[in-house]
Amino acid sequence: MLADRESQPLMIAGVAFDLYAGLFTPSEVASFCGVKRPVIDTMATRGLIVASRRERLTHRPLFSFRDVFKVRMMRSLAPVGVGLGDSSSMADEAKTKKMPESEAMMDDLAQIADAPATKGEWMWAMARSVERGKPLLIYAYATRAQKKWQFDMHIESAGVDRPTEPPCFGWETAHVYVPVGNIFIAVYIECKKSLGLTMDLGT
């Protein structure tokens, strides 16, 4: 694990920084994900994202890449009507602490984003593939059934440029396509840049 945000992160097993270490402030998470700072505070209060550690002097919470990715996933679903919008209204509601609808929406979105953000070790493989300049193709299909979200993620070899696997629930079921790998790459590059690390990803 990385000791301090102030320390220069070292490459870990071919990955530029520790994906699970607390390195990013709430304001940085908000900036990376295109949401208002109160949204991040509300998500943290509700336990939808959890700070990995706190700064020693200020006790300010620091979030990991995994948390940034989760929020960005939720934000990326906005165009299909199940994600966080520009979140200005949500931010206003957060200030007044009157957000039953927004809270319900965030809980729903967190259910979708939890699957890729917290399950398995695929993130390390993806980060290594990005560093080598040969990113894996990672994508998912999401659908809602029996009041729960189903998230079917697929990982294909580097060089494959389009999905080849059908959703486990079949083509006849209405679903959303989620470009998990593209979202990962965008977040990884932004986080890497904010840490002052080289942007030579081999691409």
C-alpha atoms as a PDB file:
ATOM      1  CA  MET A   1       0.000   0.000   0.000  1.00  0.00           C
ATOM      2  CA  LEU A   2       1.128   3.590  -0.569  1.00  0.00           C
ATOM      3  CA  ALA A   3       2.139   5.408   2.583  1.00  0.00           C
ATOM      4  CA  ASP A   4       1.126   8.988   1.758  1.00  0.00           C
ATOM      5  CA  ARG A   5      -0.457  11.005  -1.016  1.00  0.00           C
ATOM      6  CA  GLU A   6       2.591  13.269  -0.826  1.00  0.00           C
ATOM      7  CA  SER A   7       4.901  10.320  -1.616  1.00  0.00           C
ATOM      8  CA  GLN A   8       5.706   9.581  -5.236  1.00  0.00           C
ATOM      9  CA  PRO A   9       3.668   6.480  -6.108  1.00  0.00           C
ATOM     10  CA  LEU A  10       5.732   3.542  -7.306  1.00  0.00           C
ATOM     11  CA  MET A  11       4.744   1.169 -10.061  1.00  0.00           C
ATOM     12  CA  ILE A  12       3.165  -1.943  -8.552  1.00  0.00           C
ATOM     13  CA  ALA A  13       3.328  -5.107 -10.644  1.00  0.00           C
ATOM     14  CA  GLY A  14       3.191  -3.125 -13.861  1.00  0.00           C
ATOM     15  CA  VAL A  15       0.514  -0.690 -12.639  1.00  0.00           C
ATOM     16  CA  ALA A  16       1.382   2.999 -12.165  1.00  0.00           C
ATOM     17  CA  PHE A  17      -0.181   3.332  -8.696  1.00  0.00           C
ATOM     18  CA  ASP A  18      -2.066   1.305  -6.096  1.00  0.00           C
ATOM     19  CA  LEU A  19      -5.645   1.130  -7.354  1.00  0.00           C
ATOM     20  CA  TYR A  20      -7.001   0.457  -3.865  1.00  0.00           C
ATOM     21  CA  ALA A  21      -5.038   3.101  -1.923  1.00  0.00           C
ATOM     22  CA  GLY A  22      -6.618   6.338  -0.708  1.00  0.00           C
ATOM     23  CA  LEU A  23      -5.046   8.946  -2.997  1.00  0.00           C
ATOM     24  CA  PHE A  24      -7.819  11.286  -4.089  1.00  0.00           C
ATOM     25  CA  THR A  25      -9.714  13.973  -2.190  1.00  0.00           C
ATOM     26  CA  PRO A  26     -13.511  14.355  -2.423  1.00  0.00           C
ATOM     27  CA  SER A  27     -13.012  17.427  -4.624  1.00  0.00           C
ATOM     28  CA  GLU A  28     -10.773  15.470  -6.986  1.00  0.00           C
ATOM     29  CA  VAL A  29     -13.280  12.619  -7.193  1.00  0.00           C
ATOM     30  CA  ALA A  30     -16.008  15.132  -8.011  1.00  0.00           C
ATOM     31  CA  SER A  31     -13.823  16.754 -10.681  1.00  0.00           C
ATOM     32  CA  PHE A  32     -12.832  13.431 -12.288  1.00  0.00           C
ATOM     33  CA  CYS A  33     -16.463  12.300 -12.426  1.00  0.00           C
ATOM     34  CA  GLY A  34     -18.178  15.527 -13.471  1.00  0.00           C
ATOM     35  CA  VAL A  35     -20.418  15.829 -10.409  1.00  0.00           C
ATOM     36  CA  LYS A  36     -20.789  18.430  -7.686  1.00  0.00           C
ATOM     37  CA  ARG A  37     -18.797  18.031  -4.469  1.00  0.00           C
ATOM     38  CA  PRO A  38     -21.957  17.635  -2.285  1.00  0.00           C
ATOM     39  CA  VAL A  39     -22.852  14.544  -4.311  1.00  0.00           C
ATOM     40  CA  ILE A  40     -19.574  12.908  -3.294  1.00  0.00           C
ATOM     41  CA  ASP A  41     -20.148  13.891   0.332  1.00  0.00           C
ATOM     42  CA  THR A  42     -23.640  12.386   0.225  1.00  0.00           C
ATOM     43  CA  MET A  43     -22.387   9.171  -1.358  1.00  0.00           C
ATOM     44  CA  ALA A  44     -19.730   8.871   1.353  1.00  0.00           C
ATOM     45  CA  THR A  45     -22.269   9.537   4.111  1.00  0.00           C
ATOM     46  CA  ARG A  46     -24.537   6.834   2.728  1.00  0.00           C
ATOM     47  CA  GLY A  47     -21.653   4.377   2.451  1.00  0.00           C
ATOM     48  CA  LEU A  48     -21.868   4.111  -1.336  1.00  0.00           C
ATOM     49  CA  ILE A  49     -18.166   4.951  -1.474  1.00  0.00           C
ATOM     50  CA  VAL A  50     -15.805   4.483   1.457  1.00  0.00           C
ATOM     51  CA  ALA A  51     -12.601   6.428   2.104  1.00  0.00           C
ATOM     52  CA  SER A  52      -9.554   4.166   2.186  1.00  0.00           C
ATOM     53  CA  ARG A  53      -7.803   6.445   4.672  1.00  0.00           C
ATOM     54  CA  ARG A  54      -7.564  10.019   5.942  1.00  0.00           C
ATOM     55  CA  GLU A  55      -4.833  12.611   5.649  1.00  0.00           C
ATOM     56  CA  ARG A  56      -2.724  12.708   8.788  1.00  0.00           C
ATOM     57  CA  LEU A  57      -2.925  16.440   9.439  1.00  0.00           C
ATOM     58  CA  THR A  58      -6.343  17.452   8.118  1.00  0.00           C
ATOM     59  CA  HIS A  59      -8.148  14.109   8.555  1.00  0.00           C
ATOM     60  CA  ARG A  60      -9.662  14.759   5.142  1.00  0.00           C
ATOM     61  CA  PRO A  61     -10.959  11.509   3.581  1.00  0.00           C
ATOM     62  CA  LEU A  62      -9.029  10.091   0.647  1.00  0.00           C
ATOM     63  CA  PHE A  63     -10.649   7.775  -1.851  1.00  0.00           C
ATOM     64  CA  SER A  64      -9.149   5.114  -4.080  1.00  0.00           C
ATOM     65  CA  PHE A  65      -9.197   4.719  -7.843  1.00  0.00           C
ATOM     66  CA  ARG A  66     -11.827   2.043  -7.292  1.00  0.00           C
ATOM     67  CA  ASP A  67     -14.161   4.624  -5.746  1.00  0.00           C
ATOM     68  CA  VAL A  68     -13.475   7.108  -8.534  1.00  0.00           C
ATOM     69  CA  PHE A  69     -14.262   4.414 -11.087  1.00  0.00           C
ATOM     70  CA  LYS A  70     -17.515   3.526  -9.318  1.00  0.00           C
ATOM     71  CA  VAL A  71     -18.737   7.139  -9.335  1.00  0.00           C
ATOM     72  CA  ARG A  72     -17.668   7.570 -12.965  1.00  0.00           C
ATOM     73  CA  MET A  73     -19.588   4.418 -13.878  1.00  0.00           C
ATOM     74  CA  MET A  74     -22.699   5.838 -12.265  1.00  0.00           C
ATOM     75  CA  ARG A  75     -22.180   9.166 -14.036  1.00  0.00           C
ATOM     76  CA  SER A  76     -21.638   7.464 -17.395  1.00  0.00           C
ATOM     77  CA  LEU A  77     -25.091   5.898 -17.288  1.00  0.00           C
ATOM     78  CA  ALA A  78     -26.715   9.353 -17.414  1.00  0.00           C
ATOM     79  CA  PRO A  79     -27.388   9.309 -21.199  1.00  0.00           C
ATOM     80  CA  VAL A  80     -29.646   6.271 -20.815  1.00  0.00           C
ATOM     81  CA  GLY A  81     -31.645   7.842 -18.022  1.00  0.00           C
ATOM     82  CA  VAL A  82     -30.396   5.755 -15.095  1.00  0.00           C
ATOM     83  CA  GLY A  83     -27.314   7.755 -14.172  1.00  0.00           C
ATOM     84  CA  LEU A  84     -26.379  10.926 -12.391  1.00  0.00           C
ATOM     85  CA  GLY A  85     -27.275  13.903 -14.545  1.00  0.00           C
ATOM     86  CA  ASP A  86     -25.280  17.127 -14.335  1.00  0.00           C
ATOM     87  CA  SER A  87     -26.188  16.724 -10.667  1.00  0.00           C
ATOM     88  CA  SER A  88     -26.714  20.430  -9.973  1.00  0.00           C
ATOM     89  CA  SER A  89     -30.203  19.729  -8.633  1.00  0.00           C
ATOM     90  CA  MET A  90     -28.877  16.807  -6.611  1.00  0.00           C
ATOM     91  CA  ALA A  91     -26.217  19.067  -5.133  1.00  0.00           C
ATOM     92  CA  ASP A  92     -28.885  21.595  -4.142  1.00  0.00           C
ATOM     93  CA  GLU A  93     -30.972  18.850  -2.589  1.00  0.00           C
ATOM     94  CA  ALA A  94     -27.939  17.577  -0.709  1.00  0.00           C
ATOM     95  CA  LYS A  95     -27.494  20.980   0.916  1.00  0.00           C
ATOM     96  CA  THR A  96     -31.087  20.990   2.130  1.00  0.00           C
ATOM     97  CA  LYS A  97     -30.910  17.296   3.093  1.00  0.00           C
ATOM     98  CA  LYS A  98     -34.148  16.678   1.208  1.00  0.00           C
ATOM     99  CA  MET A  99     -33.317  14.039  -1.328  1.00  0.00           C
ATOM    100  CA  PRO A 100     -35.440  10.916  -1.035  1.00  0.00           C
ATOM    101  CA  GLU A 101     -35.695  10.508  -4.815  1.00  0.00           C
ATOM    102  CA  SER A 102     -32.015  11.226  -5.364  1.00  0.00           C
ATOM    103  CA  GLU A 103     -31.012   8.840  -2.605  1.00  0.00           C
ATOM    104  CA  ALA A 104     -33.144   6.090  -4.105  1.00  0.00           C
ATOM    105  CA  MET A 105     -31.573   6.724  -7.501  1.00  0.00           C
ATOM    106  CA  MET A 106     -28.055   6.612  -6.064  1.00  0.00           C
ATOM    107  CA  ASP A 107     -28.808   3.359  -4.263  1.00  0.00           C
ATOM    108  CA  ASP A 108     -30.055   1.897  -7.539  1.00  0.00           C
ATOM    109  CA  LEU A 109     -26.994   3.080  -9.443  1.00  0.00           C
ATOM    110  CA  ALA A 110     -24.633   1.837  -6.760  1.00  0.00           C
ATOM    111  CA  GLN A 111     -26.171  -1.598  -7.176  1.00  0.00           C
ATOM    112  CA  ILE A 112     -25.134  -1.550 -10.844  1.00  0.00           C
ATOM    113  CA  ALA A 113     -21.679  -0.072 -10.288  1.00  0.00           C
ATOM    114  CA  ASP A 114     -20.798  -2.340  -7.352  1.00  0.00           C
ATOM    115  CA  ALA A 115     -20.344  -5.364  -9.599  1.00  0.00           C
ATOM    116  CA  PRO A 116     -17.411  -4.095 -11.666  1.00  0.00           C
ATOM    117  CA  ALA A 117     -16.023  -1.758  -8.991  1.00  0.00           C
ATOM    118  CA  THR A 118     -15.725  -4.228  -6.132  1.00  0.00           C
ATOM    119  CA  LYS A 119     -15.770  -7.753  -7.548  1.00  0.00           C
ATOM    120  CA  GLY A 120     -12.649  -9.603  -8.683  1.00  0.00           C
ATOM    121  CA  GLU A 121      -9.166  -8.454  -9.590  1.00  0.00           C
ATOM    122  CA  TRP A 122      -9.816  -7.503 -13.203  1.00  0.00           C
ATOM    123  CA  MET A 123      -8.789  -3.868 -12.569  1.00  0.00           C
ATOM    124  CA  TRP A 124      -5.140  -4.828 -12.101  1.00  0.00           C
ATOM    125  CA  ALA A 125      -5.119  -6.788 -15.362  1.00  0.00           C
ATOM    126  CA  MET A 126      -6.799  -3.892 -17.142  1.00  0.00           C
ATOM    127  CA  ALA A 127      -4.316  -1.349 -15.767  1.00  0.00           C
ATOM    128  CA  ARG A 128      -1.363  -3.525 -16.817  1.00  0.00           C
ATOM    129  CA  SER A 129      -2.831  -3.894 -20.299  1.00  0.00           C
ATOM    130  CA  VAL A 130      -3.215  -0.102 -20.544  1.00  0.00           C
ATOM    131  CA  GLU A 131       0.393   0.418 -19.445  1.00  0.00           C
ATOM    132  CA  ARG A 132       1.536  -2.018 -22.144  1.00  0.00           C
ATOM    133  CA  GLY A 133      -0.450  -0.097 -24.741  1.00  0.00           C
ATOM    134  CA  LYS A 134      -2.632  -3.112 -25.462  1.00  0.00           C
ATOM    135  CA  PRO A 135      -5.804  -2.624 -23.423  1.00  0.00           C
ATOM    136  CA  LEU A 136      -8.179  -5.503 -22.932  1.00  0.00           C
ATOM    137  CA  LEU A 137     -11.719  -5.143 -24.242  1.00  0.00           C
ATOM    138  CA  ILE A 138     -13.973  -5.116 -21.190  1.00  0.00           C
ATOM    139  CA  TYR A 139     -17.678  -4.458 -21.430  1.00  0.00           C
ATOM    140  CA  ALA A 140     -20.914  -5.377 -19.709  1.00  0.00           C
ATOM    141  CA  TYR A 141     -24.632  -5.691 -20.221  1.00  0.00           C
ATOM    142  CA  ALA A 142     -27.045  -4.533 -17.537  1.00  0.00           C
ATOM    143  CA  THR A 143     -30.744  -5.229 -17.183  1.00  0.00           C
ATOM    144  CA  ARG A 144     -33.309  -4.960 -14.425  1.00  0.00           C
ATOM    145  CA  ALA A 145     -35.309  -8.013 -13.418  1.00  0.00           C
ATOM    146  CA  GLN A 146     -37.416  -8.682 -10.332  1.00  0.00           C
ATOM    147  CA  LYS A 147     -36.524  -5.254  -8.921  1.00  0.00           C
ATOM    148  CA  LYS A 148     -32.803  -6.015  -9.072  1.00  0.00           C
ATOM    149  CA  TRP A 149     -30.066  -5.157 -11.537  1.00  0.00           C
ATOM    150  CA  GLN A 150     -28.210  -7.924 -13.322  1.00  0.00           C
ATOM    151  CA  PHE A 151     -24.717  -7.045 -14.507  1.00  0.00           C
ATOM    152  CA  ASP A 152     -23.032  -9.387 -16.985  1.00  0.00           C
ATOM    153  CA  MET A 153     -19.370  -8.426 -17.541  1.00  0.00           C
ATOM    154  CA  HIS A 154     -17.119  -9.800 -20.298  1.00  0.00           C
ATOM    155  CA  ILE A 155     -13.342  -9.618 -20.717  1.00  0.00           C
ATOM    156  CA  GLU A 156     -11.759 -10.212 -24.103  1.00  0.00           C
ATOM    157  CA  SER A 157      -8.147 -10.224 -25.271  1.00  0.00           C
ATOM    158  CA  ALA A 158      -6.240  -7.136 -26.344  1.00  0.00           C
ATOM    159  CA  GLY A 159      -6.759  -6.398 -30.027  1.00  0.00           C
ATOM    160  CA  VAL A 160     -10.431  -7.400 -30.077  1.00  0.00           C
ATOM    161  CA  ASP A 161     -12.267  -4.247 -31.129  1.00  0.00           C
ATOM    162  CA  ARG A 162     -15.906  -5.211 -30.656  1.00  0.00           C
ATOM    163  CA  PRO A 163     -17.989  -7.403 -28.335  1.00  0.00           C
ATOM    164  CA  THR A 164     -18.351 -11.031 -29.357  1.00  0.00           C
ATOM    165  CA  GLU A 165     -20.228 -12.438 -26.353  1.00  0.00           C
ATOM    166  CA  PRO A 166     -24.037 -12.167 -25.956  1.00  0.00           C
ATOM    167  CA  PRO A 167     -25.580 -11.166 -22.614  1.00  0.00           C
ATOM    168  CA  CYS A 168     -26.240 -14.103 -20.286  1.00  0.00           C
ATOM    169  CA  PHE A 169     -29.917 -13.102 -20.137  1.00  0.00           C
ATOM    170  CA  GLY A 170     -30.273 -13.193 -23.934  1.00  0.00           C
ATOM    171  CA  TRP A 171     -30.733 -10.663 -26.712  1.00  0.00           C
ATOM    172  CA  GLU A 172     -34.511 -10.623 -26.280  1.00  0.00           C
ATOM    173  CA  THR A 173     -34.228  -8.959 -22.873  1.00  0.00           C
ATOM    174  CA  ALA A 174     -34.003  -5.162 -22.961  1.00  0.00           C
ATOM    175  CA  HIS A 175     -30.621  -4.108 -21.599  1.00  0.00           C
ATOM    176  CA  VAL A 176     -27.942  -1.436 -21.489  1.00  0.00           C
ATOM    177  CA  TYR A 177     -24.448  -1.835 -22.965  1.00  0.00           C
ATOM    178  CA  VAL A 178     -21.756  -0.476 -20.639  1.00  0.00           C
ATOM    179  CA  PRO A 179     -18.266   0.249 -22.088  1.00  0.00           C
ATOM    180  CA  VAL A 180     -16.487  -0.670 -18.851  1.00  0.00           C
ATOM    181  CA  GLY A 181     -12.998  -0.694 -20.381  1.00  0.00           C
ATOM    182  CA  ASN A 182     -13.351   2.736 -21.969  1.00  0.00           C
ATOM    183  CA  ILE A 183     -14.595   4.183 -18.690  1.00  0.00           C
ATOM    184  CA  PHE A 184     -11.671   2.559 -16.861  1.00  0.00           C
ATOM    185  CA  ILE A 185      -9.096   3.973 -19.288  1.00  0.00           C
ATOM    186  CA  ALA A 186     -10.492   7.501 -19.046  1.00  0.00           C
ATOM    187  CA  VAL A 187     -10.436   7.410 -15.234  1.00  0.00           C
ATOM    188  CA  TYR A 188      -6.998   5.786 -15.100  1.00  0.00           C
ATOM    189  CA  ILE A 189      -5.475   8.467 -17.318  1.00  0.00           C
ATOM    190  CA  GLU A 190      -7.028  11.293 -15.289  1.00  0.00           C
ATOM    191  CA  CYS A 191      -5.939   9.805 -11.972  1.00  0.00           C
ATOM    192  CA  LYS A 192      -2.446   9.160 -13.277  1.00  0.00           C
ATOM    193  CA  LYS A 193      -2.129  12.716 -14.526  1.00  0.00           C
ATOM    194  CA  SER A 194      -3.310  14.151 -11.190  1.00  0.00           C
ATOM    195  CA  LEU A 195      -0.568  12.155  -9.411  1.00  0.00           C
ATOM    196  CA  GLY A 196       2.022  13.708 -11.674  1.00  0.00           C
ATOM    197  CA  LEU A 197       2.894  10.421 -13.343  1.00  0.00           C
ATOM    198  CA  THR A 198       4.006  10.071 -16.941  1.00  0.00           C
ATOM    199  CA  MET A 199       1.247   9.823 -19.493  1.00  0.00           C
ATOM    200  CA  ASP A 200       3.233   7.505 -21.786  1.00  0.00           C
ATOM    201  CA  LEU A 201       0.737   4.622 -21.904  1.00  0.00           C
ATOM    202  CA  GLY A 202       2.255   3.076 -24.986  1.00  0.00           C
ATOM    203  CA  THR A 203      -0.724   4.059 -27.119  1.00  0.00           C
END
